Amino acid sequence: MSEERFIDLESRMAHQDQLLNELNDVVTGQQAKIMQLDELCKSLIARIRSLSDAIPAAGSADERPPHY
């Protein structure tokens, strides 16, 4: 194998290592954001449930007034 070809392979490998590290950082950041959004969704669901429990029954609001 010629030295020029060996240098080219080493250069490609170094670039691929750098790219792999950058992609790993992106995936790690995305996973952290996903976890954060998941917690936010859970807290919003809990809040909506607690608010819906505090609101009086909606059955009376759907009834027709007596003059119909």
PDB file of N, CA and C in Angstrom:
ATOM      1  N   MET A   1       0.854  -1.169   0.000  1.00  0.00           N
ATOM      2  CA  MET A   1       0.000   0.000   0.000  1.00  0.00           C
ATOM      3  C   MET A   1       0.904   1.238   0.000  1.00  0.00           C
ATOM      4  N   SER A   2       0.584   2.165  -0.858  1.00  0.00           N
ATOM      5  CA  SER A   2       1.419   3.353  -0.956  1.00  0.00           C
ATOM      6  C   SER A   2       1.178   4.263   0.250  1.00  0.00           C
ATOM      7  N   GLU A   3       2.181   5.063   0.547  1.00  0.00           N
ATOM      8  CA  GLU A   3       2.083   5.957   1.699  1.00  0.00           C
ATOM      9  C   GLU A   3       0.988   7.002   1.494  1.00  0.00           C
ATOM     10  N   GLU A   4       0.812   7.433   0.265  1.00  0.00           N
ATOM     11  CA  GLU A   4      -0.221   8.427  -0.042  1.00  0.00           C
ATOM     12  C   GLU A   4      -1.613   7.869   0.232  1.00  0.00           C
ATOM     13  N   ARG A   5      -1.811   6.634  -0.139  1.00  0.00           N
ATOM     14  CA  ARG A   5      -3.107   5.999   0.102  1.00  0.00           C
ATOM     15  C   ARG A   5      -3.329   5.786   1.602  1.00  0.00           C
ATOM     16  N   PHE A   6      -2.294   5.433   2.318  1.00  0.00           N
ATOM     17  CA  PHE A   6      -2.373   5.233   3.754  1.00  0.00           C
ATOM     18  C   PHE A   6      -2.746   6.544   4.453  1.00  0.00           C
ATOM     19  N   ILE A   7      -2.152   7.646   4.034  1.00  0.00           N
ATOM     20  CA  ILE A   7      -2.461   8.965   4.593  1.00  0.00           C
ATOM     21  C   ILE A   7      -3.915   9.336   4.302  1.00  0.00           C
ATOM     22  N   ASP A   8      -4.371   9.027   3.088  1.00  0.00           N
ATOM     23  CA  ASP A   8      -5.765   9.310   2.718  1.00  0.00           C
ATOM     24  C   ASP A   8      -6.730   8.524   3.608  1.00  0.00           C
ATOM     25  N   LEU A   9      -6.438   7.265   3.857  1.00  0.00           N
ATOM     26  CA  LEU A   9      -7.288   6.449   4.728  1.00  0.00           C
ATOM     27  C   LEU A   9      -7.296   6.973   6.163  1.00  0.00           C
ATOM     28  N   GLU A  10      -6.131   7.379   6.657  1.00  0.00           N
ATOM     29  CA  GLU A  10      -6.068   7.944   8.005  1.00  0.00           C
ATOM     30  C   GLU A  10      -6.869   9.240   8.095  1.00  0.00           C
ATOM     31  N   SER A  11      -6.793  10.040   7.064  1.00  0.00           N
ATOM     32  CA  SER A  11      -7.526  11.302   7.032  1.00  0.00           C
ATOM     33  C   SER A  11      -9.029  11.045   7.038  1.00  0.00           C
ATOM     34  N   ARG A  12      -9.475  10.087   6.227  1.00  0.00           N
ATOM     35  CA  ARG A  12     -10.900   9.751   6.187  1.00  0.00           C
ATOM     36  C   ARG A  12     -11.377   9.228   7.541  1.00  0.00           C
ATOM     37  N   MET A  13     -10.555   8.417   8.152  1.00  0.00           N
ATOM     38  CA  MET A  13     -10.925   7.855   9.451  1.00  0.00           C
ATOM     39  C   MET A  13     -11.032   8.960  10.506  1.00  0.00           C
ATOM     40  N   ALA A  14     -10.135   9.909  10.467  1.00  0.00           N
ATOM     41  CA  ALA A  14     -10.179  11.021  11.423  1.00  0.00           C
ATOM     42  C   ALA A  14     -11.454  11.846  11.218  1.00  0.00           C
ATOM     43  N   HIS A  15     -11.827  12.095   9.968  1.00  0.00           N
ATOM     44  CA  HIS A  15     -13.049  12.852   9.677  1.00  0.00           C
ATOM     45  C   HIS A  15     -14.290  12.075  10.128  1.00  0.00           C
ATOM     46  N   GLN A  16     -14.276  10.767   9.916  1.00  0.00           N
ATOM     47  CA  GLN A  16     -15.409   9.955  10.338  1.00  0.00           C
ATOM     48  C   GLN A  16     -15.523   9.922  11.860  1.00  0.00           C
ATOM     49  N   ASP A  17     -14.403   9.867  12.555  1.00  0.00           N
ATOM     50  CA  ASP A  17     -14.430   9.917  14.014  1.00  0.00           C
ATOM     51  C   ASP A  17     -15.016  11.236  14.503  1.00  0.00           C
ATOM     52  N   GLN A  18     -14.601  12.317  13.871  1.00  0.00           N
ATOM     53  CA  GLN A  18     -15.123  13.634  14.255  1.00  0.00           C
ATOM     54  C   GLN A  18     -16.624  13.708  13.989  1.00  0.00           C
ATOM     55  N   LEU A  19     -17.043  13.219  12.828  1.00  0.00           N
ATOM     56  CA  LEU A  19     -18.462  13.228  12.485  1.00  0.00           C
ATOM     57  C   LEU A  19     -19.265  12.366  13.449  1.00  0.00           C
ATOM     58  N   LEU A  20     -18.725  11.220  13.808  1.00  0.00           N
ATOM     59  CA  LEU A  20     -19.403  10.329  14.748  1.00  0.00           C
ATOM     60  C   LEU A  20     -19.567  11.006  16.114  1.00  0.00           C
ATOM     61  N   ASN A  21     -18.565  11.694  16.570  1.00  0.00           N
ATOM     62  CA  ASN A  21     -18.652  12.419  17.845  1.00  0.00           C
ATOM     63  C   ASN A  21     -19.681  13.541  17.782  1.00  0.00           C
ATOM     64  N   GLU A  22     -19.716  14.256  16.670  1.00  0.00           N
ATOM     65  CA  GLU A  22     -20.699  15.330  16.507  1.00  0.00           C
ATOM     66  C   GLU A  22     -22.118  14.770  16.479  1.00  0.00           C
ATOM     67  N   LEU A  23     -22.307  13.664  15.770  1.00  0.00           N
ATOM     68  CA  LEU A  23     -23.629  13.044  15.708  1.00  0.00           C
ATOM     69  C   LEU A  23     -24.045  12.514  17.081  1.00  0.00           C
ATOM     70  N   ASN A  24     -23.100  11.978  17.821  1.00  0.00           N
ATOM     71  CA  ASN A  24     -23.389  11.501  19.167  1.00  0.00           C
ATOM     72  C   ASN A  24     -23.850  12.650  20.061  1.00  0.00           C
ATOM     73  N   ASP A  25     -23.198  13.804  19.934  1.00  0.00           N
ATOM     74  CA  ASP A  25     -23.603  14.980  20.710  1.00  0.00           C
ATOM     75  C   ASP A  25     -25.022  15.418  20.355  1.00  0.00           C
ATOM     76  N   VAL A  26     -25.348  15.372  19.065  1.00  0.00           N
ATOM     77  CA  VAL A  26     -26.685  15.769  18.625  1.00  0.00           C
ATOM     78  C   VAL A  26     -27.730  14.801  19.177  1.00  0.00           C
ATOM     79  N   VAL A  27     -27.460  13.517  19.082  1.00  0.00           N
ATOM     80  CA  VAL A  27     -28.414  12.513  19.570  1.00  0.00           C
ATOM     81  C   VAL A  27     -28.584  12.629  21.084  1.00  0.00           C
ATOM     82  N   THR A  28     -27.496  12.860  21.797  1.00  0.00           N
ATOM     83  CA  THR A  28     -27.571  13.025  23.245  1.00  0.00           C
ATOM     84  C   THR A  28     -28.412  14.248  23.599  1.00  0.00           C
ATOM     85  N   GLY A  29     -28.230  15.345  22.879  1.00  0.00           N
ATOM     86  CA  GLY A  29     -29.024  16.548  23.109  1.00  0.00           C
ATOM     87  C   GLY A  29     -30.496  16.322  22.805  1.00  0.00           C
ATOM     88  N   GLN A  30     -30.769  15.598  21.730  1.00  0.00           N
ATOM     89  CA  GLN A  30     -32.150  15.309  21.377  1.00  0.00           C
ATOM     90  C   GLN A  30     -32.817  14.433  22.438  1.00  0.00           C
ATOM     91  N   GLN A  31     -32.088  13.467  22.950  1.00  0.00           N
ATOM     92  CA  GLN A  31     -32.652  12.603  23.986  1.00  0.00           C
ATOM     93  C   GLN A  31     -32.971  13.402  25.247  1.00  0.00           C
ATOM     94  N   ALA A  32     -32.095  14.320  25.600  1.00  0.00           N
ATOM     95  CA  ALA A  32     -32.350  15.163  26.771  1.00  0.00           C
ATOM     96  C   ALA A  32     -33.595  16.018  26.546  1.00  0.00           C
ATOM     97  N   LYS A  33     -33.748  16.560  25.356  1.00  0.00           N
ATOM     98  CA  LYS A  33     -34.916  17.384  25.035  1.00  0.00           C
ATOM     99  C   LYS A  33     -36.185  16.537  25.040  1.00  0.00           C
ATOM    100  N   ILE A  34     -36.121  15.327  24.524  1.00  0.00           N
ATOM    101  CA  ILE A  34     -37.270  14.427  24.526  1.00  0.00           C
ATOM    102  C   ILE A  34     -37.702  14.129  25.955  1.00  0.00           C
ATOM    103  N   MET A  35     -36.751  13.866  26.822  1.00  0.00           N
ATOM    104  CA  MET A  35     -37.070  13.583  28.219  1.00  0.00           C
ATOM    105  C   MET A  35     -37.703  14.798  28.888  1.00  0.00           C
ATOM    106  N   GLN A  36     -37.182  15.983  28.580  1.00  0.00           N
ATOM    107  CA  GLN A  36     -37.731  17.217  29.136  1.00  0.00           C
ATOM    108  C   GLN A  36     -39.168  17.424  28.659  1.00  0.00           C
ATOM    109  N   LEU A  37     -39.415  17.206  27.374  1.00  0.00           N
ATOM    110  CA  LEU A  37     -40.760  17.375  26.831  1.00  0.00           C
ATOM    111  C   LEU A  37     -41.721  16.320  27.377  1.00  0.00           C
ATOM    112  N   ASP A  38     -41.223  15.121  27.608  1.00  0.00           N
ATOM    113  CA  ASP A  38     -42.038  14.057  28.185  1.00  0.00           C
ATOM    114  C   ASP A  38     -42.500  14.440  29.595  1.00  0.00           C
ATOM    115  N   GLU A  39     -41.584  14.972  30.378  1.00  0.00           N
ATOM    116  CA  GLU A  39     -41.953  15.425  31.729  1.00  0.00           C
ATOM    117  C   GLU A  39     -42.958  16.576  31.673  1.00  0.00           C
ATOM    118  N   LEU A  40     -42.767  17.478  30.726  1.00  0.00           N
ATOM    119  CA  LEU A  40     -43.699  18.590  30.568  1.00  0.00           C
ATOM    120  C   LEU A  40     -45.088  18.084  30.196  1.00  0.00           C
ATOM    121  N   CYS A  41     -45.162  17.138  29.291  1.00  0.00           N
ATOM    122  CA  CYS A  41     -46.457  16.566  28.900  1.00  0.00           C
ATOM    123  C   CYS A  41     -47.133  15.896  30.085  1.00  0.00           C
ATOM    124  N   LYS A  42     -46.370  15.155  30.866  1.00  0.00           N
ATOM    125  CA  LYS A  42     -46.945  14.488  32.035  1.00  0.00           C
ATOM    126  C   LYS A  42     -47.494  15.503  33.025  1.00  0.00           C
ATOM    127  N   SER A  43     -46.763  16.584  33.260  1.00  0.00           N
ATOM    128  CA  SER A  43     -47.243  17.596  34.201  1.00  0.00           C
ATOM    129  C   SER A  43     -48.469  18.328  33.655  1.00  0.00           C
ATOM    130  N   LEU A  44     -48.503  18.563  32.336  1.00  0.00           N
ATOM    131  CA  LEU A  44     -49.682  19.203  31.745  1.00  0.00           C
ATOM    132  C   LEU A  44     -50.906  18.305  31.821  1.00  0.00           C
ATOM    133  N   ILE A  45     -50.725  17.023  31.603  1.00  0.00           N
ATOM    134  CA  ILE A  45     -51.836  16.075  31.710  1.00  0.00           C
ATOM    135  C   ILE A  45     -52.366  16.058  33.135  1.00  0.00           C
ATOM    136  N   ALA A  46     -51.459  16.024  34.101  1.00  0.00           N
ATOM    137  CA  ALA A  46     -51.883  16.029  35.505  1.00  0.00           C
ATOM    138  C   ALA A  46     -52.630  17.311  35.838  1.00  0.00           C
ATOM    139  N   ARG A  47     -52.162  18.421  35.323  1.00  0.00           N
ATOM    140  CA  ARG A  47     -52.829  19.699  35.603  1.00  0.00           C
ATOM    141  C   ARG A  47     -54.213  19.756  34.969  1.00  0.00           C
ATOM    142  N   ILE A  48     -54.319  19.272  33.745  1.00  0.00           N
ATOM    143  CA  ILE A  48     -55.623  19.254  33.063  1.00  0.00           C
ATOM    144  C   ILE A  48     -56.598  18.361  33.815  1.00  0.00           C
ATOM    145  N   ARG A  49     -56.117  17.217  34.272  1.00  0.00           N
ATOM    146  CA  ARG A  49     -56.987  16.318  35.043  1.00  0.00           C
ATOM    147  C   ARG A  49     -57.451  16.981  36.339  1.00  0.00           C
ATOM    148  N   SER A  50     -56.548  17.676  37.006  1.00  0.00           N
ATOM    149  CA  SER A  50     -56.938  18.325  38.261  1.00  0.00           C
ATOM    150  C   SER A  50     -57.913  19.473  37.995  1.00  0.00           C
ATOM    151  N   LEU A  51     -57.729  20.181  36.898  1.00  0.00           N
ATOM    152  CA  LEU A  51     -58.666  21.255  36.560  1.00  0.00           C
ATOM    153  C   LEU A  51     -60.030  20.695  36.166  1.00  0.00           C
ATOM    154  N   SER A  52     -60.044  19.585  35.460  1.00  0.00           N
ATOM    155  CA  SER A  52     -61.323  19.005  35.058  1.00  0.00           C
ATOM    156  C   SER A  52     -62.073  18.458  36.267  1.00  0.00           C
ATOM    157  N   ASP A  53     -61.352  18.024  37.290  1.00  0.00           N
ATOM    158  CA  ASP A  53     -62.008  17.572  38.519  1.00  0.00           C
ATOM    159  C   ASP A  53     -62.608  18.751  39.281  1.00  0.00           C
ATOM    160  N   ALA A  54     -62.020  19.918  39.143  1.00  0.00           N
ATOM    161  CA  ALA A  54     -62.484  21.098  39.868  1.00  0.00           C
ATOM    162  C   ALA A  54     -63.693  21.749  39.203  1.00  0.00           C
ATOM    163  N   ILE A  55     -63.889  21.497  37.923  1.00  0.00           N
ATOM    164  CA  ILE A  55     -65.011  22.095  37.190  1.00  0.00           C
ATOM    165  C   ILE A  55     -66.279  21.292  37.498  1.00  0.00           C
ATOM    166  N   PRO A  56     -67.407  21.972  37.740  1.00  0.00           N
ATOM    167  CA  PRO A  56     -68.656  21.236  38.003  1.00  0.00           C
ATOM    168  C   PRO A  56     -69.036  20.369  36.803  1.00  0.00           C
ATOM    169  N   ALA A  57     -69.881  19.412  37.057  1.00  0.00           N
ATOM    170  CA  ALA A  57     -70.298  18.480  36.006  1.00  0.00           C
ATOM    171  C   ALA A  57     -70.827  19.240  34.797  1.00  0.00           C
ATOM    172  N   ALA A  58     -70.401  18.852  33.626  1.00  0.00           N
ATOM    173  CA  ALA A  58     -70.795  19.533  32.399  1.00  0.00           C
ATOM    174  C   ALA A  58     -72.140  19.027  31.884  1.00  0.00           C
ATOM    175  N   GLY A  59     -72.682  18.004  32.493  1.00  0.00           N
ATOM    176  CA  GLY A  59     -73.960  17.458  32.039  1.00  0.00           C
ATOM    177  C   GLY A  59     -75.071  18.484  32.060  1.00  0.00           C
ATOM    178  N   SER A  60     -75.116  19.333  33.056  1.00  0.00           N
ATOM    179  CA  SER A  60     -76.166  20.342  33.141  1.00  0.00           C
ATOM    180  C   SER A  60     -75.977  21.421  32.079  1.00  0.00           C
ATOM    181  N   ALA A  61     -74.793  21.661  31.638  1.00  0.00           N
ATOM    182  CA  ALA A  61     -74.539  22.685  30.618  1.00  0.00           C
ATOM    183  C   ALA A  61     -75.004  22.217  29.249  1.00  0.00           C
ATOM    184  N   ASP A  62     -75.082  20.895  29.041  1.00  0.00           N
ATOM    185  CA  ASP A  62     -75.495  20.369  27.737  1.00  0.00           C
ATOM    186  C   ASP A  62     -77.010  20.197  27.624  1.00  0.00           C
ATOM    187  N   GLU A  63     -77.723  20.363  28.724  1.00  0.00           N
ATOM    188  CA  GLU A  63     -79.169  20.192  28.684  1.00  0.00           C
ATOM    189  C   GLU A  63     -79.823  21.388  28.004  1.00  0.00           C
ATOM    190  N   ARG A  64     -80.944  21.117  27.372  1.00  0.00           N
ATOM    191  CA  ARG A  64     -81.702  22.191  26.721  1.00  0.00           C
ATOM    192  C   ARG A  64     -82.452  23.005  27.761  1.00  0.00           C
ATOM    193  N   PRO A  65     -82.521  24.278  27.551  1.00  0.00           N
ATOM    194  CA  PRO A  65     -83.319  25.093  28.459  1.00  0.00           C
ATOM    195  C   PRO A  65     -84.793  24.653  28.402  1.00  0.00           C
ATOM    196  N   PRO A  66     -85.562  24.905  29.443  1.00  0.00           N
ATOM    197  CA  PRO A  66     -86.959  24.430  29.496  1.00  0.00           C
ATOM    198  C   PRO A  66     -87.864  25.032  28.413  1.00  0.00           C
ATOM    199  N   HIS A  67     -87.523  26.166  27.840  1.00  0.00           N
ATOM    200  CA  HIS A  67     -88.410  26.779  26.858  1.00  0.00           C
ATOM    201  C   HIS A  67     -88.301  26.138  25.475  1.00  0.00           C
ATOM    202  N   TYR A  68     -87.423  25.150  25.254  1.00  0.00           N
ATOM    203  CA  TYR A  68     -87.332  24.487  23.956  1.00  0.00           C
ATOM    204  C   TYR A  68     -88.317  23.372  23.858  1.00  0.00           C
TER     205      TYR A  68
END
